[in-house]
Amino acid sequence: MKKYGILCLLLVALAIGARANVIVDDFSANVYAWNEGEIDGDIGAIAIINGQLDIKSKHDEMALKTHCYAPINVEKDFRVTAHVYIDRLKNDKQVGLLFNYRDDGNFYCFSFNEYAVSFRRYENNVEVGSYHQGIKWKKKKKLEQEWTLIKEADELAFLVDGQEIIRIRYMPLQYCGIGFYTISKQRLIVDKIEYEQ
């Protein structure tokens, strides 16, 4: 009986020790150095206000991006979850999650508007690949959502509120840059990000 009790305690200890490491970024101290500032006045502004990352674009065509270098190893499986608020979804108003971000011209992103979710891959400021999935949202104004990016082996999945929206295979990751963007008079507020590995 003692052996059984010791075995149970050992299994519980192993299960607790095997849990993933979760790091929460609530923007309170800007530990991961998210870039902030007003961009040419007419393009928009990025600011951390009351523990939230606020991205507000004012230009009709230009993207407003912010990023950090996340505390994850992209060679291993991981999960990144962001709690976001979106002003309004329309055909010409995009929001997105940047990842594998090296610089402004080299990154991957999941983006969406009123009608579709897209995976896009950029190299040297040129879109070199994309995949689009049509979608119908229940709500299009004042949205509160949970976005999740999951990397498992050689697959990437993007989920919204726990529902898988798009899955991509054979897209290797090299960089731990993570970020967000808006296009065309759009506002995106990120409440917190959870990194799990």
C-alpha atoms as a PDB file:
ATOM      1  CA  MET A   1       0.000   0.000   0.000  1.00  0.00           C
ATOM      2  CA  LYS A   2       2.864   2.388   0.832  1.00  0.00           C
ATOM      3  CA  LYS A   3       4.421   1.683  -2.579  1.00  0.00           C
ATOM      4  CA  TYR A   4       1.133   2.560  -4.254  1.00  0.00           C
ATOM      5  CA  GLY A   5       0.912   5.864  -2.326  1.00  0.00           C
ATOM      6  CA  ILE A   6       4.512   6.779  -3.165  1.00  0.00           C
ATOM      7  CA  LEU A   7       3.914   5.916  -6.829  1.00  0.00           C
ATOM      8  CA  CYS A   8       0.838   8.172  -6.920  1.00  0.00           C
ATOM      9  CA  LEU A   9       2.745  11.072  -5.369  1.00  0.00           C
ATOM     10  CA  LEU A  10       5.565  10.588  -7.871  1.00  0.00           C
ATOM     11  CA  LEU A  11       3.138  10.612 -10.817  1.00  0.00           C
ATOM     12  CA  VAL A  12       1.464  13.791  -9.526  1.00  0.00           C
ATOM     13  CA  ALA A  13       4.867  15.463  -9.102  1.00  0.00           C
ATOM     14  CA  LEU A  14       5.856  14.482 -12.646  1.00  0.00           C
ATOM     15  CA  ALA A  15       2.596  15.810 -14.072  1.00  0.00           C
ATOM     16  CA  ILE A  16       3.037  19.145 -12.298  1.00  0.00           C
ATOM     17  CA  GLY A  17       6.665  19.383 -13.416  1.00  0.00           C
ATOM     18  CA  ALA A  18       5.732  18.605 -17.029  1.00  0.00           C
ATOM     19  CA  ARG A  19       3.315  21.537 -17.349  1.00  0.00           C
ATOM     20  CA  ALA A  20       4.191  24.149 -19.912  1.00  0.00           C
ATOM     21  CA  ASN A  21       5.823  27.382 -18.890  1.00  0.00           C
ATOM     22  CA  VAL A  22       3.364  30.298 -19.266  1.00  0.00           C
ATOM     23  CA  ILE A  23       4.559  33.908 -19.380  1.00  0.00           C
ATOM     24  CA  VAL A  24       1.954  36.692 -19.313  1.00  0.00           C
ATOM     25  CA  ASP A  25       2.687  40.100 -20.829  1.00  0.00           C
ATOM     26  CA  ASP A  26       0.162  42.606 -19.483  1.00  0.00           C
ATOM     27  CA  PHE A  27       2.117  45.607 -20.853  1.00  0.00           C
ATOM     28  CA  SER A  28       2.343  47.160 -17.383  1.00  0.00           C
ATOM     29  CA  ALA A  29       6.115  47.680 -17.590  1.00  0.00           C
ATOM     30  CA  ASN A  30       6.665  47.119 -21.339  1.00  0.00           C
ATOM     31  CA  VAL A  31       9.176  44.402 -20.454  1.00  0.00           C
ATOM     32  CA  TYR A  32       9.393  43.131 -24.061  1.00  0.00           C
ATOM     33  CA  ALA A  33       9.984  46.600 -25.561  1.00  0.00           C
ATOM     34  CA  TRP A  34       6.910  47.021 -27.751  1.00  0.00           C
ATOM     35  CA  ASN A  35       7.531  49.965 -30.054  1.00  0.00           C
ATOM     36  CA  GLU A  36       5.295  52.948 -29.351  1.00  0.00           C
ATOM     37  CA  GLY A  37       4.828  56.395 -30.846  1.00  0.00           C
ATOM     38  CA  GLU A  38       2.930  58.565 -33.263  1.00  0.00           C
ATOM     39  CA  ILE A  39       3.721  57.720 -36.874  1.00  0.00           C
ATOM     40  CA  ASP A  40       3.807  60.824 -39.080  1.00  0.00           C
ATOM     41  CA  GLY A  41       0.654  62.177 -37.425  1.00  0.00           C
ATOM     42  CA  ASP A  42      -1.589  61.158 -40.344  1.00  0.00           C
ATOM     43  CA  ILE A  43      -0.740  57.433 -40.275  1.00  0.00           C
ATOM     44  CA  GLY A  44      -1.605  56.656 -36.656  1.00  0.00           C
ATOM     45  CA  ALA A  45      -0.310  56.004 -33.175  1.00  0.00           C
ATOM     46  CA  ILE A  46       0.771  53.097 -30.997  1.00  0.00           C
ATOM     47  CA  ALA A  47       0.702  53.498 -27.214  1.00  0.00           C
ATOM     48  CA  ILE A  48       0.547  51.490 -24.029  1.00  0.00           C
ATOM     49  CA  ILE A  49      -2.273  52.987 -21.984  1.00  0.00           C
ATOM     50  CA  ASN A  50      -3.470  51.573 -18.657  1.00  0.00           C
ATOM     51  CA  GLY A  51      -1.836  48.208 -19.307  1.00  0.00           C
ATOM     52  CA  GLN A  52      -3.188  47.819 -22.856  1.00  0.00           C
ATOM     53  CA  LEU A  53      -1.448  48.067 -26.222  1.00  0.00           C
ATOM     54  CA  ASP A  54      -3.491  50.511 -28.334  1.00  0.00           C
ATOM     55  CA  ILE A  55      -2.910  50.532 -32.116  1.00  0.00           C
ATOM     56  CA  LYS A  56      -4.895  53.173 -33.982  1.00  0.00           C
ATOM     57  CA  SER A  57      -4.342  53.665 -37.706  1.00  0.00           C
ATOM     58  CA  LYS A  58      -5.664  56.782 -39.443  1.00  0.00           C
ATOM     59  CA  HIS A  59      -4.439  56.247 -43.013  1.00  0.00           C
ATOM     60  CA  ASP A  60      -6.627  54.656 -45.709  1.00  0.00           C
ATOM     61  CA  GLU A  61      -3.966  52.341 -47.141  1.00  0.00           C
ATOM     62  CA  MET A  62      -0.869  52.112 -44.949  1.00  0.00           C
ATOM     63  CA  ALA A  63      -0.293  49.438 -42.299  1.00  0.00           C
ATOM     64  CA  LEU A  64       0.533  50.421 -38.747  1.00  0.00           C
ATOM     65  CA  LYS A  65       2.668  47.721 -37.066  1.00  0.00           C
ATOM     66  CA  THR A  66       4.126  47.095 -33.649  1.00  0.00           C
ATOM     67  CA  HIS A  67       6.197  44.166 -32.458  1.00  0.00           C
ATOM     68  CA  CYS A  68       8.392  42.693 -29.753  1.00  0.00           C
ATOM     69  CA  TYR A  69      10.745  39.736 -29.549  1.00  0.00           C
ATOM     70  CA  ALA A  70       8.820  37.113 -27.613  1.00  0.00           C
ATOM     71  CA  PRO A  71      10.187  34.865 -24.860  1.00  0.00           C
ATOM     72  CA  ILE A  72       9.718  31.684 -26.926  1.00  0.00           C
ATOM     73  CA  ASN A  73      11.925  29.270 -28.834  1.00  0.00           C
ATOM     74  CA  VAL A  74      10.380  28.993 -32.309  1.00  0.00           C
ATOM     75  CA  GLU A  75      12.146  25.682 -32.957  1.00  0.00           C
ATOM     76  CA  LYS A  76       9.907  24.070 -30.302  1.00  0.00           C
ATOM     77  CA  ASP A  77       6.120  23.824 -30.103  1.00  0.00           C
ATOM     78  CA  PHE A  78       4.409  26.845 -28.549  1.00  0.00           C
ATOM     79  CA  ARG A  79       1.124  28.683 -28.102  1.00  0.00           C
ATOM     80  CA  VAL A  80       0.635  32.464 -28.103  1.00  0.00           C
ATOM     81  CA  THR A  81      -2.745  33.807 -26.982  1.00  0.00           C
ATOM     82  CA  ALA A  82      -3.772  37.451 -27.272  1.00  0.00           C
ATOM     83  CA  HIS A  83      -6.883  39.036 -25.790  1.00  0.00           C
ATOM     84  CA  VAL A  84      -7.964  41.778 -28.200  1.00  0.00           C
ATOM     85  CA  TYR A  85     -10.660  44.355 -28.872  1.00  0.00           C
ATOM     86  CA  ILE A  86     -11.425  45.376 -32.463  1.00  0.00           C
ATOM     87  CA  ASP A  87     -13.236  48.593 -33.325  1.00  0.00           C
ATOM     88  CA  ARG A  88     -14.969  47.347 -36.478  1.00  0.00           C
ATOM     89  CA  LEU A  89     -14.583  44.710 -39.186  1.00  0.00           C
ATOM     90  CA  LYS A  90     -15.112  45.922 -42.742  1.00  0.00           C
ATOM     91  CA  ASN A  91     -13.750  44.876 -46.114  1.00  0.00           C
ATOM     92  CA  ASP A  92     -11.219  47.731 -46.147  1.00  0.00           C
ATOM     93  CA  LYS A  93     -10.331  47.602 -42.401  1.00  0.00           C
ATOM     94  CA  GLN A  94      -7.807  44.879 -41.595  1.00  0.00           C
ATOM     95  CA  VAL A  95      -6.284  43.682 -38.360  1.00  0.00           C
ATOM     96  CA  GLY A  96      -3.642  41.035 -37.940  1.00  0.00           C
ATOM     97  CA  LEU A  97      -1.162  39.052 -35.897  1.00  0.00           C
ATOM     98  CA  LEU A  98       2.468  39.223 -37.029  1.00  0.00           C
ATOM     99  CA  PHE A  99       4.903  36.412 -36.273  1.00  0.00           C
ATOM    100  CA  ASN A 100       8.233  35.049 -37.502  1.00  0.00           C
ATOM    101  CA  TYR A 101       8.957  38.783 -37.578  1.00  0.00           C
ATOM    102  CA  ARG A 102      12.524  39.708 -38.509  1.00  0.00           C
ATOM    103  CA  ASP A 103      11.862  43.284 -39.665  1.00  0.00           C
ATOM    104  CA  ASP A 104       9.182  45.349 -41.428  1.00  0.00           C
ATOM    105  CA  GLY A 105       9.755  43.559 -44.739  1.00  0.00           C
ATOM    106  CA  ASN A 106      10.225  39.958 -43.540  1.00  0.00           C
ATOM    107  CA  PHE A 107       7.458  38.285 -41.537  1.00  0.00           C
ATOM    108  CA  TYR A 108       4.396  36.034 -41.599  1.00  0.00           C
ATOM    109  CA  CYS A 109       0.930  37.186 -40.566  1.00  0.00           C
ATOM    110  CA  PHE A 110      -2.614  36.073 -40.051  1.00  0.00           C
ATOM    111  CA  SER A 111      -4.875  38.934 -41.058  1.00  0.00           C
ATOM    112  CA  PHE A 112      -8.578  39.362 -41.409  1.00  0.00           C
ATOM    113  CA  ASN A 113     -11.362  41.683 -42.336  1.00  0.00           C
ATOM    114  CA  GLU A 114     -15.136  41.378 -42.676  1.00  0.00           C
ATOM    115  CA  TYR A 115     -15.043  38.508 -45.189  1.00  0.00           C
ATOM    116  CA  ALA A 116     -11.822  36.493 -44.929  1.00  0.00           C
ATOM    117  CA  VAL A 117      -8.898  35.328 -42.842  1.00  0.00           C
ATOM    118  CA  SER A 118      -5.556  35.171 -44.630  1.00  0.00           C
ATOM    119  CA  PHE A 119      -2.107  33.786 -44.018  1.00  0.00           C
ATOM    120  CA  ARG A 120       0.530  35.943 -45.736  1.00  0.00           C
ATOM    121  CA  ARG A 121       4.281  35.546 -46.034  1.00  0.00           C
ATOM    122  CA  TYR A 122       6.531  38.529 -46.814  1.00  0.00           C
ATOM    123  CA  GLU A 123      10.174  38.524 -47.884  1.00  0.00           C
ATOM    124  CA  ASN A 124      12.018  41.776 -48.626  1.00  0.00           C
ATOM    125  CA  ASN A 125       8.730  43.738 -48.651  1.00  0.00           C
ATOM    126  CA  VAL A 126       7.136  41.438 -51.251  1.00  0.00           C
ATOM    127  CA  GLU A 127       4.250  39.052 -50.559  1.00  0.00           C
ATOM    128  CA  VAL A 128       5.677  35.676 -51.631  1.00  0.00           C
ATOM    129  CA  GLY A 129       2.813  33.460 -50.538  1.00  0.00           C
ATOM    130  CA  SER A 130      -0.705  33.591 -49.192  1.00  0.00           C
ATOM    131  CA  TYR A 131      -3.724  31.478 -48.390  1.00  0.00           C
ATOM    132  CA  HIS A 132      -7.240  32.832 -47.825  1.00  0.00           C
ATOM    133  CA  GLN A 133     -10.254  31.378 -46.044  1.00  0.00           C
ATOM    134  CA  GLY A 134     -13.715  32.933 -46.230  1.00  0.00           C
ATOM    135  CA  ILE A 135     -15.507  33.511 -42.943  1.00  0.00           C
ATOM    136  CA  LYS A 136     -18.757  34.918 -41.644  1.00  0.00           C
ATOM    137  CA  TRP A 137     -18.527  36.750 -38.312  1.00  0.00           C
ATOM    138  CA  LYS A 138     -21.494  36.885 -35.939  1.00  0.00           C
ATOM    139  CA  LYS A 139     -20.581  40.390 -34.878  1.00  0.00           C
ATOM    140  CA  LYS A 140     -18.676  43.108 -36.788  1.00  0.00           C
ATOM    141  CA  LYS A 141     -18.512  46.069 -34.377  1.00  0.00           C
ATOM    142  CA  LYS A 142     -16.883  46.391 -30.966  1.00  0.00           C
ATOM    143  CA  LEU A 143     -15.532  42.857 -30.975  1.00  0.00           C
ATOM    144  CA  GLU A 144     -13.784  41.240 -28.034  1.00  0.00           C
ATOM    145  CA  GLN A 145     -11.801  38.194 -29.169  1.00  0.00           C
ATOM    146  CA  GLU A 146      -9.123  35.756 -28.117  1.00  0.00           C
ATOM    147  CA  TRP A 147      -6.563  35.053 -30.852  1.00  0.00           C
ATOM    148  CA  THR A 148      -4.334  31.999 -30.556  1.00  0.00           C
ATOM    149  CA  LEU A 149      -1.333  31.060 -32.663  1.00  0.00           C
ATOM    150  CA  ILE A 150      -0.260  27.444 -32.201  1.00  0.00           C
ATOM    151  CA  LYS A 151       2.897  25.854 -33.552  1.00  0.00           C
ATOM    152  CA  GLU A 152       2.914  22.045 -33.443  1.00  0.00           C
ATOM    153  CA  ALA A 153       5.735  20.263 -35.296  1.00  0.00           C
ATOM    154  CA  ASP A 154       5.569  21.672 -38.857  1.00  0.00           C
ATOM    155  CA  GLU A 155       2.041  23.120 -38.616  1.00  0.00           C
ATOM    156  CA  LEU A 156       0.728  26.547 -37.674  1.00  0.00           C
ATOM    157  CA  ALA A 157      -2.860  27.101 -36.591  1.00  0.00           C
ATOM    158  CA  PHE A 158      -4.737  30.349 -35.988  1.00  0.00           C
ATOM    159  CA  LEU A 159      -7.768  30.217 -33.696  1.00  0.00           C
ATOM    160  CA  VAL A 160     -10.328  32.870 -32.816  1.00  0.00           C
ATOM    161  CA  ASP A 161     -12.217  32.312 -29.568  1.00  0.00           C
ATOM    162  CA  GLY A 162     -11.052  28.694 -29.478  1.00  0.00           C
ATOM    163  CA  GLN A 163     -12.271  27.876 -32.996  1.00  0.00           C
ATOM    164  CA  GLU A 164      -9.620  26.954 -35.554  1.00  0.00           C
ATOM    165  CA  ILE A 165      -9.906  29.326 -38.497  1.00  0.00           C
ATOM    166  CA  ILE A 166      -6.902  28.407 -40.616  1.00  0.00           C
ATOM    167  CA  ARG A 167      -4.077  25.806 -40.531  1.00  0.00           C
ATOM    168  CA  ILE A 168      -0.847  26.011 -42.522  1.00  0.00           C
ATOM    169  CA  ARG A 169       1.722  23.239 -43.050  1.00  0.00           C
ATOM    170  CA  TYR A 170       5.439  23.297 -43.804  1.00  0.00           C
ATOM    171  CA  MET A 171       6.135  26.917 -42.797  1.00  0.00           C
ATOM    172  CA  PRO A 172       9.352  26.849 -40.785  1.00  0.00           C
ATOM    173  CA  LEU A 173       9.883  29.614 -38.239  1.00  0.00           C
ATOM    174  CA  GLN A 174      13.223  31.342 -37.674  1.00  0.00           C
ATOM    175  CA  TYR A 175      12.462  34.474 -35.643  1.00  0.00           C
ATOM    176  CA  CYS A 176      10.672  35.079 -32.351  1.00  0.00           C
ATOM    177  CA  GLY A 177       9.272  38.474 -33.374  1.00  0.00           C
ATOM    178  CA  ILE A 178       5.533  38.741 -32.604  1.00  0.00           C
ATOM    179  CA  GLY A 179       3.306  41.725 -33.261  1.00  0.00           C
ATOM    180  CA  PHE A 180       0.054  43.254 -34.430  1.00  0.00           C
ATOM    181  CA  TYR A 181      -1.060  45.543 -37.210  1.00  0.00           C
ATOM    182  CA  THR A 182      -4.006  47.545 -38.495  1.00  0.00           C
ATOM    183  CA  ILE A 183      -4.850  48.996 -41.896  1.00  0.00           C
ATOM    184  CA  SER A 184      -7.291  51.745 -42.877  1.00  0.00           C
ATOM    185  CA  LYS A 185      -8.698  53.777 -40.002  1.00  0.00           C
ATOM    186  CA  GLN A 186      -8.835  50.808 -37.669  1.00  0.00           C
ATOM    187  CA  ARG A 187      -8.277  50.421 -33.935  1.00  0.00           C
ATOM    188  CA  LEU A 188      -6.980  47.304 -32.215  1.00  0.00           C
ATOM    189  CA  ILE A 189      -6.471  47.086 -28.453  1.00  0.00           C
ATOM    190  CA  VAL A 190      -4.479  44.185 -27.002  1.00  0.00           C
ATOM    191  CA  ASP A 191      -5.255  43.548 -23.338  1.00  0.00           C
ATOM    192  CA  LYS A 192      -2.638  40.870 -22.656  1.00  0.00           C
ATOM    193  CA  ILE A 193      -0.582  38.155 -24.325  1.00  0.00           C
ATOM    194  CA  GLU A 194       0.212  34.718 -22.944  1.00  0.00           C
ATOM    195  CA  TYR A 195       3.254  32.793 -24.191  1.00  0.00           C
ATOM    196  CA  GLU A 196       3.117  29.070 -23.462  1.00  0.00           C
ATOM    197  CA  GLN A 197       5.916  26.624 -24.163  1.00  0.00           C
END
